[in-house]
Amino acid sequence: MIPALICTGVVAVIGHRRGGSWVPAATVTVVLAAIFLLSAVVNMPINLDQADWRPDQVPTDWLAIRDRWQVSHAVRTVAALAGFGLLLIAGAPPRRPARI
């Protein structure tokens, strides 16, 4: 995640300095930063807590914890796919008008 965040940030800066389209890369940089933050705030703490759970002694609210993790993971996945799609669109060669 961190290398992707750094790379898209560098692409945005280079695109801006060259006068090119830097907005898509900058947008994806923000999306990746949000994904990283969401992972650090929601998913990673839950993963760390669950590592110590014993099958015969799970917390009484484990269903709510599981649901919170799944929702966060779904949000991260959709955001990552949207960011990847935006990078694909931004990196596509410009369309040429059709010749008749």
C-alpha atoms as a PDB file:
ATOM      1  CA  MET A   1       0.000   0.000   0.000  1.00  0.00           C
ATOM      2  CA  ILE A   2       2.731   2.468   0.923  1.00  0.00           C
ATOM      3  CA  PRO A   3       4.704   1.994  -2.336  1.00  0.00           C
ATOM      4  CA  ALA A   4       1.502   2.517  -4.367  1.00  0.00           C
ATOM      5  CA  LEU A   5       0.750   5.664  -2.374  1.00  0.00           C
ATOM      6  CA  ILE A   6       4.255   7.019  -2.967  1.00  0.00           C
ATOM      7  CA  CYS A   7       4.242   6.128  -6.670  1.00  0.00           C
ATOM      8  CA  THR A   8       0.905   7.782  -7.411  1.00  0.00           C
ATOM      9  CA  GLY A   9       2.020  10.861  -5.491  1.00  0.00           C
ATOM     10  CA  VAL A  10       5.205  11.025  -7.566  1.00  0.00           C
ATOM     11  CA  VAL A  11       3.217  10.578 -10.791  1.00  0.00           C
ATOM     12  CA  ALA A  12       0.921  13.443  -9.743  1.00  0.00           C
ATOM     13  CA  VAL A  13       3.862  15.741  -8.983  1.00  0.00           C
ATOM     14  CA  ILE A  14       5.656  14.879 -12.233  1.00  0.00           C
ATOM     15  CA  GLY A  15       2.440  15.342 -14.228  1.00  0.00           C
ATOM     16  CA  HIS A  16       1.861  18.718 -12.604  1.00  0.00           C
ATOM     17  CA  ARG A  17       5.411  19.915 -13.283  1.00  0.00           C
ATOM     18  CA  ARG A  18       5.206  18.832 -16.928  1.00  0.00           C
ATOM     19  CA  GLY A  19       1.883  20.551 -17.407  1.00  0.00           C
ATOM     20  CA  GLY A  20       0.090  17.267 -18.007  1.00  0.00           C
ATOM     21  CA  SER A  21      -2.951  15.704 -16.433  1.00  0.00           C
ATOM     22  CA  TRP A  22      -2.031  15.291 -12.784  1.00  0.00           C
ATOM     23  CA  VAL A  23      -5.517  15.376 -11.269  1.00  0.00           C
ATOM     24  CA  PRO A  24      -6.302  11.648 -11.703  1.00  0.00           C
ATOM     25  CA  ALA A  25      -3.042  10.596 -10.027  1.00  0.00           C
ATOM     26  CA  ALA A  26      -3.562  13.129  -7.240  1.00  0.00           C
ATOM     27  CA  THR A  27      -7.108  11.835  -6.729  1.00  0.00           C
ATOM     28  CA  VAL A  28      -5.869   8.254  -6.530  1.00  0.00           C
ATOM     29  CA  THR A  29      -3.186   9.360  -4.051  1.00  0.00           C
ATOM     30  CA  VAL A  30      -5.932  10.743  -1.801  1.00  0.00           C
ATOM     31  CA  VAL A  31      -8.001   7.562  -2.242  1.00  0.00           C
ATOM     32  CA  LEU A  32      -5.004   5.385  -1.314  1.00  0.00           C
ATOM     33  CA  ALA A  33      -4.285   7.543   1.727  1.00  0.00           C
ATOM     34  CA  ALA A  34      -7.911   7.122   2.830  1.00  0.00           C
ATOM     35  CA  ILE A  35      -7.696   3.351   2.310  1.00  0.00           C
ATOM     36  CA  PHE A  36      -4.503   3.234   4.362  1.00  0.00           C
ATOM     37  CA  LEU A  37      -6.090   5.295   7.140  1.00  0.00           C
ATOM     38  CA  LEU A  38      -9.223   3.127   7.166  1.00  0.00           C
ATOM     39  CA  SER A  39      -7.075   0.004   7.358  1.00  0.00           C
ATOM     40  CA  ALA A  40      -5.032   1.418  10.222  1.00  0.00           C
ATOM     41  CA  VAL A  41      -8.060   2.627  12.192  1.00  0.00           C
ATOM     42  CA  VAL A  42     -10.521  -0.242  11.654  1.00  0.00           C
ATOM     43  CA  ASN A  43      -9.129  -3.405  10.094  1.00  0.00           C
ATOM     44  CA  MET A  44      -5.678  -3.714  11.629  1.00  0.00           C
ATOM     45  CA  PRO A  45      -6.821  -3.268  15.255  1.00  0.00           C
ATOM     46  CA  ILE A  46      -9.545  -5.875  14.735  1.00  0.00           C
ATOM     47  CA  ASN A  47      -7.023  -8.255  13.158  1.00  0.00           C
ATOM     48  CA  LEU A  48      -4.678  -7.792  16.109  1.00  0.00           C
ATOM     49  CA  ASP A  49      -7.474  -8.379  18.637  1.00  0.00           C
ATOM     50  CA  GLN A  50      -8.702 -11.494  16.874  1.00  0.00           C
ATOM     51  CA  ALA A  51      -5.246 -13.050  16.854  1.00  0.00           C
ATOM     52  CA  ASP A  52      -5.622 -13.642  20.611  1.00  0.00           C
ATOM     53  CA  TRP A  53      -9.139 -15.050  20.494  1.00  0.00           C
ATOM     54  CA  ARG A  54      -9.676 -18.672  21.424  1.00  0.00           C
ATOM     55  CA  PRO A  55     -12.457 -20.555  19.620  1.00  0.00           C
ATOM     56  CA  ASP A  56     -14.125 -21.410  22.905  1.00  0.00           C
ATOM     57  CA  GLN A  57     -13.879 -17.867  24.322  1.00  0.00           C
ATOM     58  CA  VAL A  58     -14.868 -15.314  21.691  1.00  0.00           C
ATOM     59  CA  PRO A  59     -16.295 -11.963  22.807  1.00  0.00           C
ATOM     60  CA  THR A  60     -20.059 -11.749  23.075  1.00  0.00           C
ATOM     61  CA  ASP A  61     -20.115  -8.972  20.455  1.00  0.00           C
ATOM     62  CA  TRP A  62     -17.980 -10.848  17.919  1.00  0.00           C
ATOM     63  CA  LEU A  63     -20.715 -10.649  15.271  1.00  0.00           C
ATOM     64  CA  ALA A  64     -20.708  -6.853  15.437  1.00  0.00           C
ATOM     65  CA  ILE A  65     -16.909  -6.818  15.289  1.00  0.00           C
ATOM     66  CA  ARG A  66     -16.951  -9.131  12.263  1.00  0.00           C
ATOM     67  CA  ASP A  67     -19.568  -6.997  10.517  1.00  0.00           C
ATOM     68  CA  ARG A  68     -17.536  -3.824  11.160  1.00  0.00           C
ATOM     69  CA  TRP A  69     -14.457  -5.474   9.651  1.00  0.00           C
ATOM     70  CA  GLN A  70     -16.402  -6.691   6.619  1.00  0.00           C
ATOM     71  CA  VAL A  71     -17.967  -3.300   5.918  1.00  0.00           C
ATOM     72  CA  SER A  72     -14.590  -1.602   6.208  1.00  0.00           C
ATOM     73  CA  HIS A  73     -13.029  -4.186   3.914  1.00  0.00           C
ATOM     74  CA  ALA A  74     -15.801  -3.733   1.339  1.00  0.00           C
ATOM     75  CA  VAL A  75     -15.301   0.045   1.386  1.00  0.00           C
ATOM     76  CA  ARG A  76     -11.545  -0.393   0.941  1.00  0.00           C
ATOM     77  CA  THR A  77     -12.050  -2.818  -1.939  1.00  0.00           C
ATOM     78  CA  VAL A  78     -14.486  -0.580  -3.811  1.00  0.00           C
ATOM     79  CA  ALA A  79     -12.235   2.456  -3.293  1.00  0.00           C
ATOM     80  CA  ALA A  80      -9.162   0.559  -4.499  1.00  0.00           C
ATOM     81  CA  LEU A  81     -10.983  -0.679  -7.622  1.00  0.00           C
ATOM     82  CA  ALA A  82     -12.250   2.831  -8.358  1.00  0.00           C
ATOM     83  CA  GLY A  83      -8.744   4.246  -7.965  1.00  0.00           C
ATOM     84  CA  PHE A  84      -7.280   1.572 -10.218  1.00  0.00           C
ATOM     85  CA  GLY A  85      -9.952   2.252 -12.823  1.00  0.00           C
ATOM     86  CA  LEU A  86      -9.209   5.973 -12.672  1.00  0.00           C
ATOM     87  CA  LEU A  87      -5.506   5.295 -13.242  1.00  0.00           C
ATOM     88  CA  LEU A  88      -6.343   3.077 -16.217  1.00  0.00           C
ATOM     89  CA  ILE A  89      -8.520   5.778 -17.735  1.00  0.00           C
ATOM     90  CA  ALA A  90      -5.915   8.458 -17.077  1.00  0.00           C
ATOM     91  CA  GLY A  91      -3.152   6.351 -18.619  1.00  0.00           C
ATOM     92  CA  ALA A  92      -5.074   5.461 -21.750  1.00  0.00           C
ATOM     93  CA  PRO A  93      -3.793   7.078 -24.941  1.00  0.00           C
ATOM     94  CA  PRO A  94      -5.893   9.997 -26.193  1.00  0.00           C
ATOM     95  CA  ARG A  95      -8.553   9.163 -28.744  1.00  0.00           C
ATOM     96  CA  ARG A  96      -7.967  10.225 -32.299  1.00  0.00           C
ATOM     97  CA  PRO A  97     -10.881  11.324 -34.419  1.00  0.00           C
ATOM     98  CA  ALA A  98     -12.056   8.654 -36.821  1.00  0.00           C
ATOM     99  CA  ARG A  99     -10.944   9.088 -40.426  1.00  0.00           C
ATOM    100  CA  ILE A 100     -13.570   8.747 -43.075  1.00  0.00           C
END
